[in-house]
PDB file of N, CA and C in Angstrom:
ATOM      1  N   MET A   1     -33.983 147.052 -33.294  1.00  0.00           N
ATOM      2  CA  MET A   1     -33.192 148.033 -32.109  1.00  0.00           C
ATOM      3  C   MET A   1     -32.095 148.382 -32.550  1.00  0.00           C
ATOM      4  N   SER A   2     -32.177 149.857 -32.612  1.00  0.00           N
ATOM      5  CA  SER A   2     -30.748 150.185 -32.313  1.00  0.00           C
ATOM      6  C   SER A   2     -29.886 150.331 -31.162  1.00  0.00           C
ATOM      7  N   ASP A   3     -28.338 150.510 -31.729  1.00  0.00           N
ATOM      8  CA  ASP A   3     -27.578 149.913 -30.829  1.00  0.00           C
ATOM      9  C   ASP A   3     -27.519 151.133 -29.573  1.00  0.00           C
ATOM     10  N   GLU A   4     -28.006 152.310 -29.772  1.00  0.00           N
ATOM     11  CA  GLU A   4     -28.218 152.912 -28.585  1.00  0.00           C
ATOM     12  C   GLU A   4     -29.300 152.578 -27.487  1.00  0.00           C
ATOM     13  N   SER A   5     -30.553 151.896 -28.414  1.00  0.00           N
ATOM     14  CA  SER A   5     -31.769 151.318 -27.154  1.00  0.00           C
ATOM     15  C   SER A   5     -30.895 149.786 -26.870  1.00  0.00           C
ATOM     16  N   ALA A   6     -30.019 149.039 -27.686  1.00  0.00           N
ATOM     17  CA  ALA A   6     -29.841 147.661 -26.895  1.00  0.00           C
ATOM     18  C   ALA A   6     -29.217 147.716 -26.086  1.00  0.00           C
ATOM     19  N   SER A   7     -27.780 149.350 -26.160  1.00  0.00           N
ATOM     20  CA  SER A   7     -27.117 149.281 -24.708  1.00  0.00           C
ATOM     21  C   SER A   7     -27.754 149.796 -23.717  1.00  0.00           C
ATOM     22  N   LYS A   8     -28.911 150.125 -23.892  1.00  0.00           N
ATOM     23  CA  LYS A   8     -30.123 150.767 -22.545  1.00  0.00           C
ATOM     24  C   LYS A   8     -30.485 149.525 -22.000  1.00  0.00           C
ATOM     25  N   ALA A   9     -31.140 148.239 -23.012  1.00  0.00           N
ATOM     26  CA  ALA A   9     -31.657 147.502 -22.363  1.00  0.00           C
ATOM     27  C   ALA A   9     -30.795 146.291 -21.654  1.00  0.00           C
ATOM     28  N   ARG A  10     -29.681 146.178 -21.552  1.00  0.00           N
ATOM     29  CA  ARG A  10     -28.823 145.111 -21.317  1.00  0.00           C
ATOM     30  C   ARG A  10     -27.577 146.170 -19.926  1.00  0.00           C
ATOM     31  N   TYR A  11     -27.125 144.915 -19.342  1.00  0.00           N
ATOM     32  CA  TYR A  11     -26.220 145.620 -18.424  1.00  0.00           C
ATOM     33  C   TYR A  11     -24.789 145.532 -19.059  1.00  0.00           C
ATOM     34  N   ASP A  12     -23.713 146.276 -18.900  1.00  0.00           N
ATOM     35  CA  ASP A  12     -22.698 145.863 -19.608  1.00  0.00           C
ATOM     36  C   ASP A  12     -22.018 144.985 -18.723  1.00  0.00           C
ATOM     37  N   LEU A  13     -20.743 144.611 -19.326  1.00  0.00           N
ATOM     38  CA  LEU A  13     -19.596 143.457 -19.163  1.00  0.00           C
ATOM     39  C   LEU A  13     -19.261 143.696 -17.389  1.00  0.00           C
ATOM     40  N   VAL A  14     -18.818 145.028 -17.283  1.00  0.00           N
ATOM     41  CA  VAL A  14     -18.326 145.306 -16.081  1.00  0.00           C
ATOM     42  C   VAL A  14     -19.376 145.130 -14.855  1.00  0.00           C
ATOM     43  N   GLU A  15     -20.657 145.491 -15.113  1.00  0.00           N
ATOM     44  CA  GLU A  15     -21.985 145.669 -14.098  1.00  0.00           C
ATOM     45  C   GLU A  15     -22.352 143.930 -13.965  1.00  0.00           C
ATOM     46  N   GLU A  16     -22.447 143.180 -15.616  1.00  0.00           N
ATOM     47  CA  GLU A  16     -22.812 141.405 -15.219  1.00  0.00           C
ATOM     48  C   GLU A  16     -21.909 140.816 -14.220  1.00  0.00           C
ATOM     49  N   ARG A  17     -20.556 141.347 -14.584  1.00  0.00           N
ATOM     50  CA  ARG A  17     -19.414 140.838 -13.877  1.00  0.00           C
ATOM     51  C   ARG A  17     -19.487 140.677 -12.496  1.00  0.00           C
ATOM     52  N   ALA A  18     -20.045 141.889 -11.862  1.00  0.00           N
ATOM     53  CA  ALA A  18     -20.045 142.552 -10.634  1.00  0.00           C
ATOM     54  C   ALA A  18     -21.125 141.681  -9.807  1.00  0.00           C
ATOM     55  N   ILE A  19     -22.296 141.714 -10.547  1.00  0.00           N
ATOM     56  CA  ILE A  19     -23.137 140.995 -10.163  1.00  0.00           C
ATOM     57  C   ILE A  19     -23.160 139.201  -9.957  1.00  0.00           C
ATOM     58  N   ALA A  20     -22.444 138.686 -10.722  1.00  0.00           N
ATOM     59  CA  ALA A  20     -22.384 137.673 -10.632  1.00  0.00           C
ATOM     60  C   ALA A  20     -21.214 136.675  -9.382  1.00  0.00           C
ATOM     61  N   SER A  21     -20.183 137.970  -9.396  1.00  0.00           N
ATOM     62  CA  SER A  21     -19.452 137.948  -8.283  1.00  0.00           C
ATOM     63  C   SER A  21     -19.844 138.108  -7.220  1.00  0.00           C
ATOM     64  N   ALA A  22     -21.032 139.111  -6.800  1.00  0.00           N
ATOM     65  CA  ALA A  22     -21.554 139.253  -5.461  1.00  0.00           C
ATOM     66  C   ALA A  22     -22.753 138.311  -5.260  1.00  0.00           C
ATOM     67  N   HIS A  23     -23.062 137.575  -6.227  1.00  0.00           N
ATOM     68  CA  HIS A  23     -23.827 136.555  -5.928  1.00  0.00           C
ATOM     69  C   HIS A  23     -23.273 135.400  -5.556  1.00  0.00           C
ATOM     70  N   ALA A  24     -22.168 135.095  -6.040  1.00  0.00           N
ATOM     71  CA  ALA A  24     -21.051 134.148  -5.728  1.00  0.00           C
ATOM     72  C   ALA A  24     -20.517 134.329  -4.321  1.00  0.00           C
ATOM     73  N   ARG A  25     -20.280 134.990  -3.874  1.00  0.00           N
ATOM     74  CA  ARG A  25     -20.259 135.257  -2.657  1.00  0.00           C
ATOM     75  C   ARG A  25     -21.235 135.298  -1.197  1.00  0.00           C
ATOM     76  N   GLY A  26     -22.708 135.200  -1.683  1.00  0.00           N
ATOM     77  CA  GLY A  26     -23.365 135.223  -1.140  1.00  0.00           C
ATOM     78  C   GLY A  26     -24.066 136.182  -0.737  1.00  0.00           C
ATOM     79  N   GLU A  27     -23.700 137.770  -1.053  1.00  0.00           N
ATOM     80  CA  GLU A  27     -24.081 138.834  -1.018  1.00  0.00           C
ATOM     81  C   GLU A  27     -25.324 138.780  -1.400  1.00  0.00           C
ATOM     82  N   LYS A  28     -25.953 140.245  -1.055  1.00  0.00           N
ATOM     83  CA  LYS A  28     -27.338 140.600  -1.659  1.00  0.00           C
ATOM     84  C   LYS A  28     -27.114 141.050  -2.610  1.00  0.00           C
ATOM     85  N   VAL A  29     -28.154 141.525  -4.115  1.00  0.00           N
ATOM     86  CA  VAL A  29     -27.180 141.963  -5.253  1.00  0.00           C
ATOM     87  C   VAL A  29     -28.340 142.758  -5.208  1.00  0.00           C
ATOM     88  N   ASP A  30     -28.197 143.780  -5.474  1.00  0.00           N
ATOM     89  CA  ASP A  30     -28.461 145.114  -6.207  1.00  0.00           C
ATOM     90  C   ASP A  30     -28.594 145.502  -7.596  1.00  0.00           C
ATOM     91  N   CYS A  31     -29.484 145.540  -8.251  1.00  0.00           N
ATOM     92  CA  CYS A  31     -29.492 146.425  -9.678  1.00  0.00           C
ATOM     93  C   CYS A  31     -28.521 147.473  -9.666  1.00  0.00           C
ATOM     94  N   PRO A  32     -27.376 147.412 -10.421  1.00  0.00           N
ATOM     95  CA  PRO A  32     -26.292 148.825 -10.851  1.00  0.00           C
ATOM     96  C   PRO A  32     -27.036 149.783 -11.560  1.00  0.00           C
ATOM     97  N   ARG A  33     -28.096 149.630 -11.572  1.00  0.00           N
ATOM     98  CA  ARG A  33     -29.179 150.882 -12.222  1.00  0.00           C
ATOM     99  C   ARG A  33     -29.933 151.577 -11.592  1.00  0.00           C
ATOM    100  N   CYS A  34     -30.837 150.847 -10.872  1.00  0.00           N
ATOM    101  CA  CYS A  34     -32.019 150.956  -9.881  1.00  0.00           C
ATOM    102  C   CYS A  34     -31.935 151.227  -8.890  1.00  0.00           C
ATOM    103  N   HIS A  35     -30.952 150.410  -8.406  1.00  0.00           N
ATOM    104  CA  HIS A  35     -30.618 149.990  -6.834  1.00  0.00           C
ATOM    105  C   HIS A  35     -31.438 149.220  -5.785  1.00  0.00           C
ATOM    106  N   VAL A  36     -32.637 148.749  -7.024  1.00  0.00           N
ATOM    107  CA  VAL A  36     -33.284 147.689  -5.552  1.00  0.00           C
ATOM    108  C   VAL A  36     -32.701 146.552  -5.922  1.00  0.00           C
ATOM    109  N   PRO A  37     -33.306 145.648  -4.393  1.00  0.00           N
ATOM    110  CA  PRO A  37     -33.019 144.225  -4.706  1.00  0.00           C
ATOM    111  C   PRO A  37     -33.513 143.226  -5.976  1.00  0.00           C
ATOM    112  N   MET A  38     -32.424 142.700  -6.308  1.00  0.00           N
ATOM    113  CA  MET A  38     -32.549 141.816  -7.774  1.00  0.00           C
ATOM    114  C   MET A  38     -33.198 140.676  -7.219  1.00  0.00           C
ATOM    115  N   THR A  39     -34.323 140.015  -8.362  1.00  0.00           N
ATOM    116  CA  THR A  39     -34.649 138.496  -7.810  1.00  0.00           C
ATOM    117  C   THR A  39     -34.038 137.558  -8.808  1.00  0.00           C
ATOM    118  N   SER A  40     -33.392 136.324  -7.762  1.00  0.00           N
ATOM    119  CA  SER A  40     -32.852 135.236  -8.123  1.00  0.00           C
ATOM    120  C   SER A  40     -33.880 133.826  -8.668  1.00  0.00           C
ATOM    121  N   ARG A  41     -33.668 133.544  -9.982  1.00  0.00           N
ATOM    122  CA  ARG A  41     -34.329 132.295 -10.034  1.00  0.00           C
ATOM    123  C   ARG A  41     -32.994 131.255 -11.043  1.00  0.00           C
ATOM    124  N   ALA A  42     -33.243 130.246 -10.050  1.00  0.00           N
ATOM    125  CA  ALA A  42     -31.962 128.869 -10.617  1.00  0.00           C
ATOM    126  C   ALA A  42     -32.464 128.095 -11.714  1.00  0.00           C
ATOM    127  N   LEU A  43     -31.941 127.905 -12.241  1.00  0.00           N
ATOM    128  CA  LEU A  43     -32.104 127.321 -13.542  1.00  0.00           C
ATOM    129  C   LEU A  43     -31.645 125.908 -13.543  1.00  0.00           C
ATOM    130  N   GLY A  44     -32.110 124.600 -13.682  1.00  0.00           N
ATOM    131  CA  GLY A  44     -31.639 123.688 -14.000  1.00  0.00           C
ATOM    132  C   GLY A  44     -31.584 123.240 -15.733  1.00  0.00           C
ATOM    133  N   GLY A  45     -30.690 122.042 -15.592  1.00  0.00           N
ATOM    134  CA  GLY A  45     -30.876 121.871 -17.278  1.00  0.00           C
ATOM    135  C   GLY A  45     -29.754 121.082 -17.823  1.00  0.00           C
ATOM    136  N   GLY A  46     -29.406 120.743 -18.978  1.00  0.00           N
ATOM    137  CA  GLY A  46     -28.874 119.873 -19.796  1.00  0.00           C
ATOM    138  C   GLY A  46     -29.333 118.919 -20.359  1.00  0.00           C
ATOM    139  N   SER A  47     -28.870 118.300 -21.264  1.00  0.00           N
ATOM    140  CA  SER A  47     -29.360 117.661 -22.071  1.00  0.00           C
ATOM    141  C   SER A  47     -29.542 116.013 -21.836  1.00  0.00           C
ATOM    142  N   PHE A  48     -30.833 115.163 -21.625  1.00  0.00           N
ATOM    143  CA  PHE A  48     -30.199 113.734 -20.698  1.00  0.00           C
ATOM    144  C   PHE A  48     -28.927 112.667 -21.525  1.00  0.00           C
ATOM    145  N   GLY A  49     -28.329 111.934 -20.796  1.00  0.00           N
ATOM    146  CA  GLY A  49     -27.010 111.486 -21.751  1.00  0.00           C
ATOM    147  C   GLY A  49     -25.726 112.070 -21.834  1.00  0.00           C
ATOM    148  N   LEU A  50     -25.705 113.334 -21.554  1.00  0.00           N
ATOM    149  CA  LEU A  50     -24.604 114.063 -22.040  1.00  0.00           C
ATOM    150  C   LEU A  50     -23.486 113.948 -20.681  1.00  0.00           C
ATOM    151  N   GLY A  51     -24.057 113.546 -19.478  1.00  0.00           N
ATOM    152  CA  GLY A  51     -23.338 113.676 -18.424  1.00  0.00           C
ATOM    153  C   GLY A  51     -22.833 114.511 -17.747  1.00  0.00           C
ATOM    154  N   TYR A  52     -23.978 115.739 -17.680  1.00  0.00           N
ATOM    155  CA  TYR A  52     -23.492 116.580 -17.227  1.00  0.00           C
ATOM    156  C   TYR A  52     -24.641 117.682 -17.248  1.00  0.00           C
ATOM    157  N   ALA A  53     -24.699 118.677 -16.185  1.00  0.00           N
ATOM    158  CA  ALA A  53     -25.926 118.904 -15.692  1.00  0.00           C
ATOM    159  C   ALA A  53     -25.480 120.587 -15.610  1.00  0.00           C
ATOM    160  N   ARG A  54     -26.006 121.593 -16.316  1.00  0.00           N
ATOM    161  CA  ARG A  54     -25.664 123.063 -16.199  1.00  0.00           C
ATOM    162  C   ARG A  54     -26.812 123.549 -14.716  1.00  0.00           C
ATOM    163  N   ARG A  55     -25.832 124.308 -13.808  1.00  0.00           N
ATOM    164  CA  ARG A  55     -26.605 125.063 -13.369  1.00  0.00           C
ATOM    165  C   ARG A  55     -26.518 126.560 -13.159  1.00  0.00           C
ATOM    166  N   ARG A  56     -27.378 127.241 -13.896  1.00  0.00           N
ATOM    167  CA  ARG A  56     -27.757 128.789 -14.044  1.00  0.00           C
ATOM    168  C   ARG A  56     -28.570 129.223 -13.215  1.00  0.00           C
ATOM    169  N   GLU A  57     -27.760 130.189 -12.644  1.00  0.00           N
ATOM    170  CA  GLU A  57     -29.004 131.570 -12.275  1.00  0.00           C
ATOM    171  C   GLU A  57     -29.063 132.490 -13.119  1.00  0.00           C
ATOM    172  N   TRP A  58     -30.387 133.143 -12.749  1.00  0.00           N
ATOM    173  CA  TRP A  58     -31.278 134.199 -13.800  1.00  0.00           C
ATOM    174  C   TRP A  58     -31.501 135.408 -12.459  1.00  0.00           C
ATOM    175  N   LEU A  59     -30.811 136.383 -12.524  1.00  0.00           N
ATOM    176  CA  LEU A  59     -30.816 137.395 -11.769  1.00  0.00           C
ATOM    177  C   LEU A  59     -31.494 138.888 -12.242  1.00  0.00           C
ATOM    178  N   LEU A  60     -32.801 138.844 -12.248  1.00  0.00           N
ATOM    179  CA  LEU A  60     -33.746 139.949 -12.885  1.00  0.00           C
ATOM    180  C   LEU A  60     -34.151 140.967 -12.124  1.00  0.00           C
ATOM    181  N   CYS A  61     -34.136 142.079 -12.360  1.00  0.00           N
ATOM    182  CA  CYS A  61     -34.142 143.188 -11.811  1.00  0.00           C
ATOM    183  C   CYS A  61     -35.826 143.545 -11.925  1.00  0.00           C
ATOM    184  N   PRO A  62     -36.602 143.273 -10.740  1.00  0.00           N
ATOM    185  CA  PRO A  62     -37.646 143.969 -11.037  1.00  0.00           C
ATOM    186  C   PRO A  62     -38.335 145.164 -11.251  1.00  0.00           C
ATOM    187  N   GLN A  63     -37.248 146.311 -11.068  1.00  0.00           N
ATOM    188  CA  GLN A  63     -38.096 147.687 -11.553  1.00  0.00           C
ATOM    189  C   GLN A  63     -37.404 147.884 -13.386  1.00  0.00           C
ATOM    190  N   CYS A  64     -36.479 147.850 -13.444  1.00  0.00           N
ATOM    191  CA  CYS A  64     -36.192 148.395 -14.588  1.00  0.00           C
ATOM    192  C   CYS A  64     -36.227 146.805 -16.106  1.00  0.00           C
ATOM    193  N   ARG A  65     -36.414 145.543 -15.380  1.00  0.00           N
ATOM    194  CA  ARG A  65     -36.217 144.488 -16.234  1.00  0.00           C
ATOM    195  C   ARG A  65     -34.953 143.891 -16.815  1.00  0.00           C
ATOM    196  N   ARG A  66     -33.998 144.740 -16.429  1.00  0.00           N
ATOM    197  CA  ARG A  66     -33.117 144.150 -16.987  1.00  0.00           C
ATOM    198  C   ARG A  66     -32.799 142.696 -16.297  1.00  0.00           C
ATOM    199  N   SER A  67     -31.669 141.855 -16.750  1.00  0.00           N
ATOM    200  CA  SER A  67     -31.676 140.417 -16.031  1.00  0.00           C
ATOM    201  C   SER A  67     -30.447 140.091 -16.736  1.00  0.00           C
ATOM    202  N   VAL A  68     -29.617 138.747 -15.933  1.00  0.00           N
ATOM    203  CA  VAL A  68     -28.200 138.760 -16.411  1.00  0.00           C
ATOM    204  C   VAL A  68     -28.428 137.157 -15.936  1.00  0.00           C
ATOM    205  N   LEU A  69     -27.850 136.771 -16.738  1.00  0.00           N
ATOM    206  CA  LEU A  69     -27.819 134.684 -16.901  1.00  0.00           C
ATOM    207  C   LEU A  69     -26.717 134.202 -17.235  1.00  0.00           C
ATOM    208  N   PHE A  70     -25.940 133.187 -15.317  1.00  0.00           N
ATOM    209  CA  PHE A  70     -24.700 133.130 -15.595  1.00  0.00           C
ATOM    210  C   PHE A  70     -24.745 131.576 -15.108  1.00  0.00           C
ATOM    211  N   ASP A  71     -23.929 130.797 -15.596  1.00  0.00           N
ATOM    212  CA  ASP A  71     -23.621 129.598 -14.988  1.00  0.00           C
ATOM    213  C   ASP A  71     -22.666 129.910 -13.285  1.00  0.00           C
ATOM    214  N   SER A  72     -23.823 129.247 -12.624  1.00  0.00           N
ATOM    215  CA  SER A  72     -23.713 129.274 -11.418  1.00  0.00           C
ATOM    216  C   SER A  72     -22.142 128.574 -10.522  1.00  0.00           C
ATOM    217  N   ALA A  73     -21.778 127.910 -11.232  1.00  0.00           N
ATOM    218  CA  ALA A  73     -20.509 127.251 -11.036  1.00  0.00           C
ATOM    219  C   ALA A  73     -19.335 127.640 -11.440  1.00  0.00           C
ATOM    220  N   ARG A  74     -19.464 128.410 -12.145  1.00  0.00           N
ATOM    221  CA  ARG A  74     -18.162 129.260 -12.470  1.00  0.00           C
ATOM    222  C   ARG A  74     -18.214 130.527 -12.932  1.00  0.00           C
ATOM    223  N   GLY A  75     -19.697 131.170 -12.509  1.00  0.00           N
ATOM    224  CA  GLY A  75     -19.412 132.556 -12.476  1.00  0.00           C
ATOM    225  C   GLY A  75     -19.842 133.281 -13.593  1.00  0.00           C
ATOM    226  N   THR A  76     -19.750 132.403 -15.201  1.00  0.00           N
ATOM    227  CA  THR A  76     -19.524 133.184 -16.290  1.00  0.00           C
ATOM    228  C   THR A  76     -20.858 133.644 -16.747  1.00  0.00           C
ATOM    229  N   ARG A  77     -21.184 134.305 -17.972  1.00  0.00           N
ATOM    230  CA  ARG A  77     -21.994 134.687 -18.408  1.00  0.00           C
ATOM    231  C   ARG A  77     -22.255 134.007 -19.807  1.00  0.00           C
ATOM    232  N   ASN A  78     -23.557 133.634 -20.043  1.00  0.00           N
ATOM    233  CA  ASN A  78     -23.876 132.719 -21.081  1.00  0.00           C
ATOM    234  C   ASN A  78     -25.094 133.475 -22.240  1.00  0.00           C
TER     235      ASN A  78
END
């Protein structure tokens, strides 16, 4: 995959932060490129015995198929 096609397949860092921030505020999140509502999937996890469990959110655009994954507690991208 070329650098140009890879950049088209992902949101840039500013877009990802805006999506995570809007979601953390409880706002309806639209795709910054397509302007359609994004779907949300909560992802749990963590390894047994580690004493923590990650709570992640995965927001997906049903039109362009871009997505962003972030820790819901911190709002940071992973």
